[in-house]
Amino acid sequence: MTSSVRKRMSRVIPDSLANWEISVTMDSIVYSWHGGPYIEVIINGQAVDVINVWDYQYGKTTVRTVNQLIGRIRQYVLAHQEAIDER
């Protein structure tokens, strides 16, 4: 990964993206985030789980950069690896 790509991924996601969808696909599982409290975990077109990324104390998301978004998805995958492998 080049340094310019690393810089872009560590930039703060502007609040204006709150209405956009950011999707990451890993092992045919889609992780979709609309800037709100949850990243949806989608298998075969169906939402099967969510990843909570909301700070209830401050009323805003804990995901501020693409790196943080990917980090939260990686944490989920590691915690659920056995179930993912079995599907």
PDB file of N, CA and C in Angstrom:
ATOM      1  N   MET A   1       0.846  -1.163   0.000  1.00  0.00           N
ATOM      2  CA  MET A   1       0.000   0.000   0.000  1.00  0.00           C
ATOM      3  C   MET A   1       0.897   1.233   0.000  1.00  0.00           C
ATOM      4  N   THR A   2       0.609   2.167  -0.875  1.00  0.00           N
ATOM      5  CA  THR A   2       1.424   3.372  -0.955  1.00  0.00           C
ATOM      6  C   THR A   2       1.078   4.323   0.172  1.00  0.00           C
ATOM      7  N   SER A   3       1.978   5.253   0.423  1.00  0.00           N
ATOM      8  CA  SER A   3       1.736   6.206   1.510  1.00  0.00           C
ATOM      9  C   SER A   3       0.529   7.086   1.221  1.00  0.00           C
ATOM     10  N   SER A   4       0.275   7.403  -0.055  1.00  0.00           N
ATOM     11  CA  SER A   4      -0.891   8.244  -0.363  1.00  0.00           C
ATOM     12  C   SER A   4      -2.194   7.490  -0.088  1.00  0.00           C
ATOM     13  N   VAL A   5      -2.209   6.176  -0.329  1.00  0.00           N
ATOM     14  CA  VAL A   5      -3.402   5.383  -0.011  1.00  0.00           C
ATOM     15  C   VAL A   5      -3.595   5.325   1.496  1.00  0.00           C
ATOM     16  N   ARG A   6      -2.511   5.117   2.253  1.00  0.00           N
ATOM     17  CA  ARG A   6      -2.609   5.094   3.719  1.00  0.00           C
ATOM     18  C   ARG A   6      -3.150   6.419   4.247  1.00  0.00           C
ATOM     19  N   LYS A   7      -2.688   7.528   3.688  1.00  0.00           N
ATOM     20  CA  LYS A   7      -3.160   8.843   4.137  1.00  0.00           C
ATOM     21  C   LYS A   7      -4.652   9.007   3.878  1.00  0.00           C
ATOM     22  N   ARG A   8      -5.122   8.580   2.706  1.00  0.00           N
ATOM     23  CA  ARG A   8      -6.546   8.705   2.392  1.00  0.00           C
ATOM     24  C   ARG A   8      -7.398   7.857   3.323  1.00  0.00           C
ATOM     25  N   MET A   9      -6.921   6.661   3.651  1.00  0.00           N
ATOM     26  CA  MET A   9      -7.699   5.765   4.506  1.00  0.00           C
ATOM     27  C   MET A   9      -7.729   6.230   5.954  1.00  0.00           C
ATOM     28  N   SER A  10      -6.781   7.058   6.354  1.00  0.00           N
ATOM     29  CA  SER A  10      -6.764   7.534   7.728  1.00  0.00           C
ATOM     30  C   SER A  10      -7.443   8.892   7.879  1.00  0.00           C
ATOM     31  N   ARG A  11      -7.882   9.467   6.779  1.00  0.00           N
ATOM     32  CA  ARG A  11      -8.610  10.740   6.852  1.00  0.00           C
ATOM     33  C   ARG A  11      -9.964  10.535   7.521  1.00  0.00           C
ATOM     34  N   VAL A  12     -10.412  11.563   8.188  1.00  0.00           N
ATOM     35  CA  VAL A  12     -11.726  11.508   8.842  1.00  0.00           C
ATOM     36  C   VAL A  12     -12.813  11.475   7.776  1.00  0.00           C
ATOM     37  N   ILE A  13     -13.768  10.569   7.954  1.00  0.00           N
ATOM     38  CA  ILE A  13     -14.906  10.485   7.047  1.00  0.00           C
ATOM     39  C   ILE A  13     -15.813  11.671   7.366  1.00  0.00           C
ATOM     40  N   PRO A  14     -16.073  12.534   6.395  1.00  0.00           N
ATOM     41  CA  PRO A  14     -16.894  13.718   6.688  1.00  0.00           C
ATOM     42  C   PRO A  14     -18.318  13.344   7.064  1.00  0.00           C
ATOM     43  N   ASP A  15     -18.929  14.163   7.906  1.00  0.00           N
ATOM     44  CA  ASP A  15     -20.317  13.916   8.307  1.00  0.00           C
ATOM     45  C   ASP A  15     -21.247  13.870   7.101  1.00  0.00           C
ATOM     46  N   SER A  16     -20.863  14.531   6.018  1.00  0.00           N
ATOM     47  CA  SER A  16     -21.697  14.529   4.818  1.00  0.00           C
ATOM     48  C   SER A  16     -21.821  13.129   4.229  1.00  0.00           C
ATOM     49  N   LEU A  17     -20.920  12.201   4.599  1.00  0.00           N
ATOM     50  CA  LEU A  17     -21.015  10.829   4.114  1.00  0.00           C
ATOM     51  C   LEU A  17     -22.007  10.005   4.911  1.00  0.00           C
ATOM     52  N   ALA A  18     -22.618  10.597   5.914  1.00  0.00           N
ATOM     53  CA  ALA A  18     -23.554   9.857   6.752  1.00  0.00           C
ATOM     54  C   ALA A  18     -24.724   9.303   5.947  1.00  0.00           C
ATOM     55  N   ASN A  19     -25.033   9.905   4.813  1.00  0.00           N
ATOM     56  CA  ASN A  19     -26.132   9.425   3.979  1.00  0.00           C
ATOM     57  C   ASN A  19     -25.654   8.489   2.871  1.00  0.00           C
ATOM     58  N   TRP A  20     -24.377   8.219   2.819  1.00  0.00           N
ATOM     59  CA  TRP A  20     -23.820   7.332   1.809  1.00  0.00           C
ATOM     60  C   TRP A  20     -23.685   5.936   2.376  1.00  0.00           C
ATOM     61  N   GLU A  21     -23.483   4.985   1.485  1.00  0.00           N
ATOM     62  CA  GLU A  21     -23.237   3.613   1.916  1.00  0.00           C
ATOM     63  C   GLU A  21     -21.804   3.244   1.580  1.00  0.00           C
ATOM     64  N   ILE A  22     -21.101   2.694   2.551  1.00  0.00           N
ATOM     65  CA  ILE A  22     -19.763   2.170   2.333  1.00  0.00           C
ATOM     66  C   ILE A  22     -19.849   0.672   2.557  1.00  0.00           C
ATOM     67  N   SER A  23     -19.479  -0.103   1.547  1.00  0.00           N
ATOM     68  CA  SER A  23     -19.554  -1.564   1.650  1.00  0.00           C
ATOM     69  C   SER A  23     -18.182  -2.176   1.464  1.00  0.00           C
ATOM     70  N   VAL A  24     -17.907  -3.171   2.274  1.00  0.00           N
ATOM     71  CA  VAL A  24     -16.670  -3.937   2.190  1.00  0.00           C
ATOM     72  C   VAL A  24     -17.087  -5.396   2.049  1.00  0.00           C
ATOM     73  N   THR A  25     -16.490  -6.105   1.099  1.00  0.00           N
ATOM     74  CA  THR A  25     -16.808  -7.524   0.902  1.00  0.00           C
ATOM     75  C   THR A  25     -15.584  -8.357   1.228  1.00  0.00           C
ATOM     76  N   MET A  26     -15.763  -9.335   2.113  1.00  0.00           N
ATOM     77  CA  MET A  26     -14.700 -10.277   2.471  1.00  0.00           C
ATOM     78  C   MET A  26     -15.309 -11.666   2.495  1.00  0.00           C
ATOM     79  N   ASP A  27     -14.703 -12.597   1.778  1.00  0.00           N
ATOM     80  CA  ASP A  27     -15.189 -13.983   1.742  1.00  0.00           C
ATOM     81  C   ASP A  27     -16.679 -14.052   1.409  1.00  0.00           C
ATOM     82  N   SER A  28     -17.100 -13.278   0.448  1.00  0.00           N
ATOM     83  CA  SER A  28     -18.486 -13.197  -0.038  1.00  0.00           C
ATOM     84  C   SER A  28     -19.488 -12.719   1.016  1.00  0.00           C
ATOM     85  N   ILE A  29     -18.995 -12.164   2.116  1.00  0.00           N
ATOM     86  CA  ILE A  29     -19.861 -11.529   3.124  1.00  0.00           C
ATOM     87  C   ILE A  29     -19.716 -10.022   2.938  1.00  0.00           C
ATOM     88  N   VAL A  30     -20.849  -9.333   2.870  1.00  0.00           N
ATOM     89  CA  VAL A  30     -20.848  -7.882   2.677  1.00  0.00           C
ATOM     90  C   VAL A  30     -21.055  -7.210   4.024  1.00  0.00           C
ATOM     91  N   TYR A  31     -20.234  -6.225   4.306  1.00  0.00           N
ATOM     92  CA  TYR A  31     -20.350  -5.402   5.511  1.00  0.00           C
ATOM     93  C   TYR A  31     -20.728  -4.012   5.015  1.00  0.00           C
ATOM     94  N   SER A  32     -21.918  -3.570   5.327  1.00  0.00           N
ATOM     95  CA  SER A  32     -22.457  -2.334   4.770  1.00  0.00           C
ATOM     96  C   SER A  32     -22.730  -1.325   5.886  1.00  0.00           C
ATOM     97  N   TRP A  33     -22.206  -0.121   5.700  1.00  0.00           N
ATOM     98  CA  TRP A  33     -22.382   0.929   6.708  1.00  0.00           C
ATOM     99  C   TRP A  33     -22.939   2.172   6.049  1.00  0.00           C
ATOM    100  N   HIS A  34     -23.946   2.754   6.667  1.00  0.00           N
ATOM    101  CA  HIS A  34     -24.608   3.947   6.147  1.00  0.00           C
ATOM    102  C   HIS A  34     -24.295   5.176   6.998  1.00  0.00           C
ATOM    103  N   GLY A  35     -23.258   5.098   7.822  1.00  0.00           N
ATOM    104  CA  GLY A  35     -22.888   6.231   8.654  1.00  0.00           C
ATOM    105  C   GLY A  35     -23.611   6.276   9.987  1.00  0.00           C
ATOM    106  N   GLY A  36     -24.433   5.302  10.244  1.00  0.00           N
ATOM    107  CA  GLY A  36     -25.217   5.283  11.473  1.00  0.00           C
ATOM    108  C   GLY A  36     -24.615   4.389  12.539  1.00  0.00           C
ATOM    109  N   PRO A  37     -25.475   3.861  13.405  1.00  0.00           N
ATOM    110  CA  PRO A  37     -24.992   3.110  14.560  1.00  0.00           C
ATOM    111  C   PRO A  37     -24.507   1.694  14.264  1.00  0.00           C
ATOM    112  N   TYR A  38     -24.848   1.149  13.099  1.00  0.00           N
ATOM    113  CA  TYR A  38     -24.520  -0.251  12.840  1.00  0.00           C
ATOM    114  C   TYR A  38     -23.885  -0.466  11.469  1.00  0.00           C
ATOM    115  N   ILE A  39     -22.979  -1.437  11.424  1.00  0.00           N
ATOM    116  CA  ILE A  39     -22.498  -1.989  10.164  1.00  0.00           C
ATOM    117  C   ILE A  39     -23.302  -3.270   9.975  1.00  0.00           C
ATOM    118  N   GLU A  40     -24.025  -3.387   8.877  1.00  0.00           N
ATOM    119  CA  GLU A  40     -24.818  -4.588   8.623  1.00  0.00           C
ATOM    120  C   GLU A  40     -23.925  -5.688   8.070  1.00  0.00           C
ATOM    121  N   VAL A  41     -24.145  -6.907   8.523  1.00  0.00           N
ATOM    122  CA  VAL A  41     -23.446  -8.083   8.022  1.00  0.00           C
ATOM    123  C   VAL A  41     -24.444  -8.797   7.113  1.00  0.00           C
ATOM    124  N   ILE A  42     -24.123  -8.885   5.820  1.00  0.00           N
ATOM    125  CA  ILE A  42     -25.079  -9.379   4.829  1.00  0.00           C
ATOM    126  C   ILE A  42     -24.518 -10.628   4.145  1.00  0.00           C
ATOM    127  N   ILE A  43     -25.301 -11.700   4.189  1.00  0.00           N
ATOM    128  CA  ILE A  43     -24.946 -12.948   3.520  1.00  0.00           C
ATOM    129  C   ILE A  43     -26.096 -13.312   2.589  1.00  0.00           C
ATOM    130  N   ASN A  44     -25.768 -13.569   1.335  1.00  0.00           N
ATOM    131  CA  ASN A  44     -26.788 -13.921   0.325  1.00  0.00           C
ATOM    132  C   ASN A  44     -27.917 -12.900   0.274  1.00  0.00           C
ATOM    133  N   GLY A  45     -27.579 -11.627   0.391  1.00  0.00           N
ATOM    134  CA  GLY A  45     -28.570 -10.562   0.289  1.00  0.00           C
ATOM    135  C   GLY A  45     -29.405 -10.326   1.529  1.00  0.00           C
ATOM    136  N   GLN A  46     -29.155 -11.079   2.590  1.00  0.00           N
ATOM    137  CA  GLN A  46     -29.928 -10.943   3.821  1.00  0.00           C
ATOM    138  C   GLN A  46     -29.049 -10.432   4.957  1.00  0.00           C
ATOM    139  N   ALA A  47     -29.517  -9.420   5.682  1.00  0.00           N
ATOM    140  CA  ALA A  47     -28.809  -8.951   6.873  1.00  0.00           C
ATOM    141  C   ALA A  47     -28.951 -10.023   7.949  1.00  0.00           C
ATOM    142  N   VAL A  48     -27.808 -10.545   8.419  1.00  0.00           N
ATOM    143  CA  VAL A  48     -27.843 -11.624   9.408  1.00  0.00           C
ATOM    144  C   VAL A  48     -27.311 -11.188  10.772  1.00  0.00           C
ATOM    145  N   ASP A  49     -26.667 -10.034  10.818  1.00  0.00           N
ATOM    146  CA  ASP A  49     -26.100  -9.542  12.074  1.00  0.00           C
ATOM    147  C   ASP A  49     -25.733  -8.078  11.884  1.00  0.00           C
ATOM    148  N   VAL A  50     -25.389  -7.428  12.962  1.00  0.00           N
ATOM    149  CA  VAL A  50     -24.900  -6.051  12.900  1.00  0.00           C
ATOM    150  C   VAL A  50     -23.694  -5.897  13.814  1.00  0.00           C
ATOM    151  N   ILE A  51     -22.872  -4.938  13.478  1.00  0.00           N
ATOM    152  CA  ILE A  51     -21.731  -4.565  14.312  1.00  0.00           C
ATOM    153  C   ILE A  51     -22.047  -3.179  14.857  1.00  0.00           C
ATOM    154  N   ASN A  52     -22.143  -3.065  16.164  1.00  0.00           N
ATOM    155  CA  ASN A  52     -22.472  -1.789  16.796  1.00  0.00           C
ATOM    156  C   ASN A  52     -21.248  -0.871  16.771  1.00  0.00           C
ATOM    157  N   VAL A  53     -21.391   0.298  16.170  1.00  0.00           N
ATOM    158  CA  VAL A  53     -20.297   1.276  16.112  1.00  0.00           C
ATOM    159  C   VAL A  53     -20.756   2.637  16.654  1.00  0.00           C
ATOM    160  N   TRP A  54     -21.706   2.594  17.587  1.00  0.00           N
ATOM    161  CA  TRP A  54     -22.290   3.833  18.100  1.00  0.00           C
ATOM    162  C   TRP A  54     -21.814   4.119  19.518  1.00  0.00           C
ATOM    163  N   ASP A  55     -21.453   5.353  19.780  1.00  0.00           N
ATOM    164  CA  ASP A  55     -21.103   5.809  21.118  1.00  0.00           C
ATOM    165  C   ASP A  55     -22.357   6.468  21.688  1.00  0.00           C
ATOM    166  N   TYR A  56     -23.063   5.750  22.539  1.00  0.00           N
ATOM    167  CA  TYR A  56     -24.332   6.242  23.073  1.00  0.00           C
ATOM    168  C   TYR A  56     -24.152   7.437  23.999  1.00  0.00           C
ATOM    169  N   GLN A  57     -23.015   7.527  24.662  1.00  0.00           N
ATOM    170  CA  GLN A  57     -22.764   8.656  25.555  1.00  0.00           C
ATOM    171  C   GLN A  57     -22.692   9.966  24.778  1.00  0.00           C
ATOM    172  N   TYR A  58     -22.050   9.936  23.606  1.00  0.00           N
ATOM    173  CA  TYR A  58     -21.860  11.159  22.825  1.00  0.00           C
ATOM    174  C   TYR A  58     -22.823  11.265  21.641  1.00  0.00           C
ATOM    175  N   GLY A  59     -23.598  10.221  21.386  1.00  0.00           N
ATOM    176  CA  GLY A  59     -24.585  10.265  20.319  1.00  0.00           C
ATOM    177  C   GLY A  59     -23.987  10.345  18.924  1.00  0.00           C
ATOM    178  N   LYS A  60     -22.868   9.651  18.716  1.00  0.00           N
ATOM    179  CA  LYS A  60     -22.255   9.662  17.384  1.00  0.00           C
ATOM    180  C   LYS A  60     -21.485   8.361  17.167  1.00  0.00           C
ATOM    181  N   THR A  61     -21.137   8.127  15.922  1.00  0.00           N
ATOM    182  CA  THR A  61     -20.426   6.920  15.573  1.00  0.00           C
ATOM    183  C   THR A  61     -18.990   6.925  16.098  1.00  0.00           C
ATOM    184  N   THR A  62     -18.482   5.741  16.368  1.00  0.00           N
ATOM    185  CA  THR A  62     -17.083   5.611  16.782  1.00  0.00           C
ATOM    186  C   THR A  62     -16.171   5.430  15.574  1.00  0.00           C
ATOM    187  N   VAL A  63     -16.766   5.289  14.391  1.00  0.00           N
ATOM    188  CA  VAL A  63     -15.998   5.119  13.155  1.00  0.00           C
ATOM    189  C   VAL A  63     -15.803   6.484  12.517  1.00  0.00           C
ATOM    190  N   ARG A  64     -14.566   6.928  12.486  1.00  0.00           N
ATOM    191  CA  ARG A  64     -14.275   8.246  11.907  1.00  0.00           C
ATOM    192  C   ARG A  64     -13.405   8.164  10.661  1.00  0.00           C
ATOM    193  N   THR A  65     -12.767   7.007  10.426  1.00  0.00           N
ATOM    194  CA  THR A  65     -11.912   6.853   9.249  1.00  0.00           C
ATOM    195  C   THR A  65     -12.199   5.498   8.596  1.00  0.00           C
ATOM    196  N   VAL A  66     -11.773   5.349   7.363  1.00  0.00           N
ATOM    197  CA  VAL A  66     -11.917   4.063   6.680  1.00  0.00           C
ATOM    198  C   VAL A  66     -11.124   2.995   7.425  1.00  0.00           C
ATOM    199  N   ASN A  67      -9.937   3.349   7.933  1.00  0.00           N
ATOM    200  CA  ASN A  67      -9.139   2.391   8.711  1.00  0.00           C
ATOM    201  C   ASN A  67      -9.911   1.892   9.930  1.00  0.00           C
ATOM    202  N   GLN A  68     -10.615   2.775  10.616  1.00  0.00           N
ATOM    203  CA  GLN A  68     -11.397   2.371  11.778  1.00  0.00           C
ATOM    204  C   GLN A  68     -12.551   1.459  11.362  1.00  0.00           C
ATOM    205  N   LEU A  69     -13.175   1.763  10.227  1.00  0.00           N
ATOM    206  CA  LEU A  69     -14.254   0.927   9.717  1.00  0.00           C
ATOM    207  C   LEU A  69     -13.744  -0.482   9.431  1.00  0.00           C
ATOM    208  N   ILE A  70     -12.634  -0.578   8.729  1.00  0.00           N
ATOM    209  CA  ILE A  70     -12.046  -1.874   8.414  1.00  0.00           C
ATOM    210  C   ILE A  70     -11.592  -2.582   9.689  1.00  0.00           C
ATOM    211  N   GLY A  71     -11.057  -1.841  10.640  1.00  0.00           N
ATOM    212  CA  GLY A  71     -10.644  -2.422  11.917  1.00  0.00           C
ATOM    213  C   GLY A  71     -11.807  -3.055  12.663  1.00  0.00           C
ATOM    214  N   ARG A  72     -12.953  -2.384  12.674  1.00  0.00           N
ATOM    215  CA  ARG A  72     -14.138  -2.941  13.357  1.00  0.00           C
ATOM    216  C   ARG A  72     -14.625  -4.199  12.653  1.00  0.00           C
ATOM    217  N   ILE A  73     -14.553  -4.203  11.320  1.00  0.00           N
ATOM    218  CA  ILE A  73     -14.949  -5.390  10.561  1.00  0.00           C
ATOM    219  C   ILE A  73     -13.984  -6.536  10.865  1.00  0.00           C
ATOM    220  N   ARG A  74     -12.696  -6.254  10.908  1.00  0.00           N
ATOM    221  CA  ARG A  74     -11.704  -7.298  11.228  1.00  0.00           C
ATOM    222  C   ARG A  74     -11.943  -7.879  12.616  1.00  0.00           C
ATOM    223  N   GLN A  75     -12.254  -7.014  13.600  1.00  0.00           N
ATOM    224  CA  GLN A  75     -12.548  -7.501  14.953  1.00  0.00           C
ATOM    225  C   GLN A  75     -13.730  -8.469  14.916  1.00  0.00           C
ATOM    226  N   TYR A  76     -14.753  -8.113  14.167  1.00  0.00           N
ATOM    227  CA  TYR A  76     -15.938  -8.965  14.046  1.00  0.00           C
ATOM    228  C   TYR A  76     -15.555 -10.304  13.422  1.00  0.00           C
ATOM    229  N   VAL A  77     -14.809 -10.256  12.321  1.00  0.00           N
ATOM    230  CA  VAL A  77     -14.418 -11.487  11.628  1.00  0.00           C
ATOM    231  C   VAL A  77     -13.615 -12.384  12.562  1.00  0.00           C
ATOM    232  N   LEU A  78     -12.662 -11.827  13.290  1.00  0.00           N
ATOM    233  CA  LEU A  78     -11.861 -12.631  14.212  1.00  0.00           C
ATOM    234  C   LEU A  78     -12.723 -13.261  15.305  1.00  0.00           C
ATOM    235  N   ALA A  79     -13.683 -12.507  15.824  1.00  0.00           N
ATOM    236  CA  ALA A  79     -14.543 -13.018  16.892  1.00  0.00           C
ATOM    237  C   ALA A  79     -15.522 -14.081  16.391  1.00  0.00           C
ATOM    238  N   HIS A  80     -15.824 -14.071  15.094  1.00  0.00           N
ATOM    239  CA  HIS A  80     -16.816 -14.985  14.540  1.00  0.00           C
ATOM    240  C   HIS A  80     -16.218 -15.922  13.491  1.00  0.00           C
ATOM    241  N   GLN A  81     -14.913 -16.089  13.503  1.00  0.00           N
ATOM    242  CA  GLN A  81     -14.246 -16.860  12.456  1.00  0.00           C
ATOM    243  C   GLN A  81     -14.755 -18.285  12.337  1.00  0.00           C
ATOM    244  N   GLU A  82     -15.003 -18.952  13.449  1.00  0.00           N
ATOM    245  CA  GLU A  82     -15.466 -20.339  13.397  1.00  0.00           C
ATOM    246  C   GLU A  82     -16.807 -20.447  12.667  1.00  0.00           C
ATOM    247  N   ALA A  83     -17.736 -19.554  12.987  1.00  0.00           N
ATOM    248  CA  ALA A  83     -19.049 -19.581  12.329  1.00  0.00           C
ATOM    249  C   ALA A  83     -18.913 -19.232  10.849  1.00  0.00           C
ATOM    250  N   ILE A  84     -18.027 -18.310  10.526  1.00  0.00           N
ATOM    251  CA  ILE A  84     -17.819 -17.927   9.127  1.00  0.00           C
ATOM    252  C   ILE A  84     -17.259 -19.100   8.343  1.00  0.00           C
ATOM    253  N   ASP A  85     -16.321 -19.814   8.941  1.00  0.00           N
ATOM    254  CA  ASP A  85     -15.714 -20.979   8.279  1.00  0.00           C
ATOM    255  C   ASP A  85     -16.728 -22.089   8.032  1.00  0.00           C
ATOM    256  N   GLU A  86     -17.694 -22.221   8.935  1.00  0.00           N
ATOM    257  CA  GLU A  86     -18.681 -23.293   8.840  1.00  0.00           C
ATOM    258  C   GLU A  86     -19.759 -23.051   7.805  1.00  0.00           C
ATOM    259  N   ARG A  87     -19.932 -21.843   7.382  1.00  0.00           N
ATOM    260  CA  ARG A  87     -21.054 -21.551   6.462  1.00  0.00           C
ATOM    261  C   ARG A  87     -20.796 -22.051   5.082  1.00  0.00           C
TER     262      ARG A  87
END
